[in-house]
């Protein structure tokens, strides 16, 4: 589907964003839980690791959103 209006593109990006964040959230939760229960890390190290996990999560979601929206617009197959 090629959007013909900016509003159509906005809706496409919003829907894809929701889908990507929902799809990747379980992985983030697992990483956070694993880090929280890692007795080899101090509390400060755990917080640093969790921050890095969250930054990576946002980056991964952003990349996937861009790829998915462009693939839809360009009609690319998986």
N, C-alpha and C. Protein backbone atom coordinates (compact mmCIF):
# COMPACT_ATOMS: atom_id res chain seq x y z
N UNK A 1 0.84 -1.18 0.00
CA UNK A 1 0.00 0.00 0.00
C UNK A 1 0.89 1.24 0.00
N UNK A 2 0.69 2.07 -0.96
CA UNK A 2 1.44 3.32 -1.04
C UNK A 2 0.54 4.43 -0.53
N UNK A 3 0.92 5.07 0.59
CA UNK A 3 0.09 6.16 1.10
C UNK A 3 0.13 7.34 0.13
N UNK A 4 -1.01 7.98 0.00
CA UNK A 4 -1.09 9.13 -0.90
C UNK A 4 -1.17 10.45 -0.15
N UNK A 5 -1.34 10.35 1.16
CA UNK A 5 -1.41 11.55 1.98
C UNK A 5 -0.51 11.37 3.20
N UNK A 6 -0.07 12.47 3.74
CA UNK A 6 0.78 12.44 4.92
C UNK A 6 0.06 11.75 6.08
N UNK A 7 -1.23 11.97 6.20
CA UNK A 7 -2.02 11.35 7.27
C UNK A 7 -2.05 9.83 7.11
N UNK A 8 -2.13 9.35 5.88
CA UNK A 8 -2.09 7.90 5.63
C UNK A 8 -0.74 7.32 6.05
N UNK A 9 0.32 8.03 5.73
CA UNK A 9 1.66 7.59 6.13
C UNK A 9 1.78 7.59 7.64
N UNK A 10 1.25 8.61 8.28
CA UNK A 10 1.29 8.69 9.75
C UNK A 10 0.57 7.50 10.38
N UNK A 11 -0.58 7.15 9.85
CA UNK A 11 -1.34 6.00 10.36
C UNK A 11 -0.56 4.71 10.16
N UNK A 12 0.06 4.56 9.00
CA UNK A 12 0.85 3.37 8.71
C UNK A 12 2.02 3.24 9.68
N UNK A 13 2.71 4.34 9.90
CA UNK A 13 3.86 4.33 10.82
C UNK A 13 3.39 4.06 12.25
N UNK A 14 2.30 4.66 12.65
CA UNK A 14 1.77 4.45 14.00
C UNK A 14 1.39 3.00 14.21
N UNK A 15 0.68 2.41 13.28
CA UNK A 15 0.27 1.01 13.40
C UNK A 15 1.48 0.09 13.43
N UNK A 16 2.44 0.35 12.58
CA UNK A 16 3.65 -0.47 12.55
C UNK A 16 4.43 -0.31 13.85
N UNK A 17 4.46 0.89 14.39
CA UNK A 17 5.14 1.15 15.66
C UNK A 17 4.52 0.32 16.78
N UNK A 18 3.22 0.33 16.86
CA UNK A 18 2.51 -0.44 17.89
C UNK A 18 2.83 -1.93 17.74
N UNK A 19 2.78 -2.43 16.52
CA UNK A 19 3.06 -3.84 16.27
C UNK A 19 4.49 -4.22 16.66
N UNK A 20 5.46 -3.38 16.30
CA UNK A 20 6.87 -3.68 16.59
C UNK A 20 7.14 -3.67 18.09
N UNK A 21 6.63 -2.66 18.77
CA UNK A 21 6.86 -2.60 20.21
C UNK A 21 6.21 -3.78 20.92
N UNK A 22 5.03 -4.18 20.50
CA UNK A 22 4.36 -5.34 21.11
C UNK A 22 5.13 -6.62 20.80
N UNK A 23 5.65 -6.73 19.60
CA UNK A 23 6.37 -7.94 19.20
C UNK A 23 7.70 -8.09 19.94
N UNK A 24 8.39 -6.98 20.16
CA UNK A 24 9.72 -7.05 20.77
C UNK A 24 9.72 -6.90 22.29
N UNK A 25 8.61 -6.50 22.87
CA UNK A 25 8.54 -6.30 24.32
C UNK A 25 8.89 -7.55 25.13
N UNK A 26 8.41 -8.74 24.77
CA UNK A 26 8.77 -9.93 25.58
C UNK A 26 10.28 -10.15 25.68
N UNK A 27 11.00 -9.85 24.62
CA UNK A 27 12.46 -10.00 24.66
C UNK A 27 13.08 -9.02 25.65
N UNK A 28 12.59 -7.79 25.66
CA UNK A 28 13.10 -6.79 26.61
C UNK A 28 12.80 -7.22 28.04
N UNK A 29 11.60 -7.68 28.28
CA UNK A 29 11.23 -8.10 29.63
C UNK A 29 12.13 -9.24 30.10
N UNK A 30 12.41 -10.19 29.21
CA UNK A 30 13.29 -11.30 29.57
C UNK A 30 14.70 -10.79 29.91
N UNK A 31 15.22 -9.89 29.13
CA UNK A 31 16.55 -9.32 29.41
C UNK A 31 16.58 -8.59 30.74
N UNK A 32 15.55 -7.83 31.01
CA UNK A 32 15.49 -7.08 32.27
C UNK A 32 15.40 -8.04 33.45
N UNK A 33 14.57 -9.05 33.34
CA UNK A 33 14.43 -10.02 34.43
C UNK A 33 15.72 -10.78 34.68
N UNK A 34 16.38 -11.17 33.61
CA UNK A 34 17.66 -11.87 33.75
C UNK A 34 18.68 -10.97 34.45
N UNK A 35 18.71 -9.71 34.07
CA UNK A 35 19.65 -8.77 34.69
C UNK A 35 19.31 -8.54 36.16
N UNK A 36 18.04 -8.39 36.46
CA UNK A 36 17.63 -8.16 37.86
C UNK A 36 18.03 -9.30 38.78
N UNK A 37 18.07 -10.52 38.24
CA UNK A 37 18.38 -11.68 39.06
C UNK A 37 19.85 -12.11 38.98
N UNK A 38 20.67 -11.30 38.34
CA UNK A 38 22.10 -11.61 38.21
C UNK A 38 22.82 -11.15 39.48
N UNK A 39 23.16 -12.11 40.33
CA UNK A 39 23.80 -11.79 41.60
C UNK A 39 25.25 -11.36 41.47
N UNK A 40 25.81 -11.47 40.27
CA UNK A 40 27.19 -11.04 40.08
C UNK A 40 27.31 -9.54 39.84
N UNK A 41 26.16 -8.88 39.65
CA UNK A 41 26.16 -7.43 39.38
C UNK A 41 25.70 -6.65 40.61
N UNK A 42 26.30 -5.49 40.79
CA UNK A 42 25.83 -4.58 41.84
C UNK A 42 24.53 -3.93 41.36
N UNK A 43 23.83 -3.26 42.26
CA UNK A 43 22.58 -2.59 41.87
C UNK A 43 22.83 -1.53 40.81
N UNK A 44 23.94 -0.81 40.95
CA UNK A 44 24.27 0.22 39.95
C UNK A 44 24.55 -0.42 38.60
N UNK A 45 25.26 -1.54 38.59
CA UNK A 45 25.53 -2.25 37.34
C UNK A 45 24.25 -2.78 36.72
N UNK A 46 23.36 -3.27 37.54
CA UNK A 46 22.07 -3.76 37.04
C UNK A 46 21.31 -2.63 36.35
N UNK A 47 21.30 -1.46 36.99
CA UNK A 47 20.60 -0.32 36.40
C UNK A 47 21.24 0.11 35.08
N UNK A 48 22.57 0.08 35.04
CA UNK A 48 23.27 0.41 33.79
C UNK A 48 22.92 -0.59 32.69
N UNK A 49 22.92 -1.87 33.03
CA UNK A 49 22.59 -2.91 32.06
C UNK A 49 21.15 -2.76 31.57
N UNK A 50 20.24 -2.49 32.47
CA UNK A 50 18.83 -2.32 32.09
C UNK A 50 18.68 -1.11 31.17
N UNK A 51 19.40 -0.04 31.47
CA UNK A 51 19.36 1.15 30.59
C UNK A 51 19.85 0.80 29.19
N UNK A 52 20.93 0.02 29.12
CA UNK A 52 21.45 -0.41 27.82
C UNK A 52 20.45 -1.30 27.09
N UNK A 53 19.80 -2.19 27.81
CA UNK A 53 18.77 -3.04 27.20
C UNK A 53 17.66 -2.18 26.61
N UNK A 54 17.25 -1.17 27.34
CA UNK A 54 16.15 -0.32 26.88
C UNK A 54 16.56 0.51 25.66
N UNK A 55 17.78 1.01 25.66
CA UNK A 55 18.26 1.75 24.50
C UNK A 55 18.32 0.84 23.27
N UNK A 56 18.81 -0.36 23.46
CA UNK A 56 18.86 -1.32 22.36
C UNK A 56 17.48 -1.68 21.85
N UNK A 57 16.54 -1.79 22.77
CA UNK A 57 15.15 -2.09 22.42
C UNK A 57 14.56 -1.00 21.54
N UNK A 58 14.75 0.24 21.93
CA UNK A 58 14.22 1.36 21.14
C UNK A 58 14.89 1.39 19.77
N UNK A 59 16.19 1.18 19.72
CA UNK A 59 16.91 1.17 18.45
C UNK A 59 16.39 0.05 17.55
N UNK A 60 16.24 -1.14 18.11
CA UNK A 60 15.74 -2.28 17.33
C UNK A 60 14.34 -2.01 16.80
N UNK A 61 13.48 -1.47 17.66
CA UNK A 61 12.12 -1.16 17.24
C UNK A 61 12.13 -0.13 16.12
N UNK A 62 12.93 0.90 16.27
CA UNK A 62 13.01 1.96 15.26
C UNK A 62 13.47 1.40 13.92
N UNK A 63 14.51 0.58 13.94
CA UNK A 63 14.99 -0.02 12.70
C UNK A 63 13.91 -0.87 12.04
N UNK A 64 13.24 -1.69 12.83
CA UNK A 64 12.20 -2.56 12.28
C UNK A 64 11.01 -1.76 11.74
N UNK A 65 10.66 -0.68 12.41
CA UNK A 65 9.57 0.18 11.93
C UNK A 65 9.91 0.74 10.56
N UNK A 66 11.12 1.27 10.42
CA UNK A 66 11.55 1.84 9.15
C UNK A 66 11.52 0.78 8.05
N UNK A 67 12.08 -0.39 8.35
CA UNK A 67 12.12 -1.47 7.36
C UNK A 67 10.72 -1.90 6.96
N UNK A 68 9.84 -2.10 7.93
CA UNK A 68 8.48 -2.56 7.64
C UNK A 68 7.69 -1.55 6.82
N UNK A 69 7.77 -0.27 7.20
CA UNK A 69 7.02 0.76 6.47
C UNK A 69 7.54 0.88 5.04
N UNK A 70 8.86 0.91 4.90
CA UNK A 70 9.41 0.99 3.54
C UNK A 70 9.05 -0.24 2.71
N UNK A 71 9.08 -1.41 3.32
CA UNK A 71 8.72 -2.63 2.60
C UNK A 71 7.27 -2.58 2.13
N UNK A 72 6.39 -2.09 2.99
CA UNK A 72 4.97 -1.97 2.60
C UNK A 72 4.82 -0.99 1.43
N UNK A 73 5.48 0.15 1.52
CA UNK A 73 5.37 1.17 0.48
C UNK A 73 5.94 0.68 -0.83
N UNK A 74 7.08 0.00 -0.75
CA UNK A 74 7.75 -0.46 -1.96
C UNK A 74 7.24 -1.81 -2.47
N UNK A 75 6.35 -2.44 -1.70
CA UNK A 75 5.78 -3.72 -2.09
C UNK A 75 6.81 -4.85 -2.06
N UNK A 76 7.73 -4.80 -1.13
CA UNK A 76 8.76 -5.83 -1.02
C UNK A 76 8.23 -7.05 -0.29
N UNK A 77 8.69 -8.21 -0.71
CA UNK A 77 8.32 -9.46 -0.05
C UNK A 77 9.26 -9.73 1.11
N UNK A 78 8.83 -10.60 2.01
CA UNK A 78 9.67 -10.99 3.15
C UNK A 78 10.84 -11.80 2.70
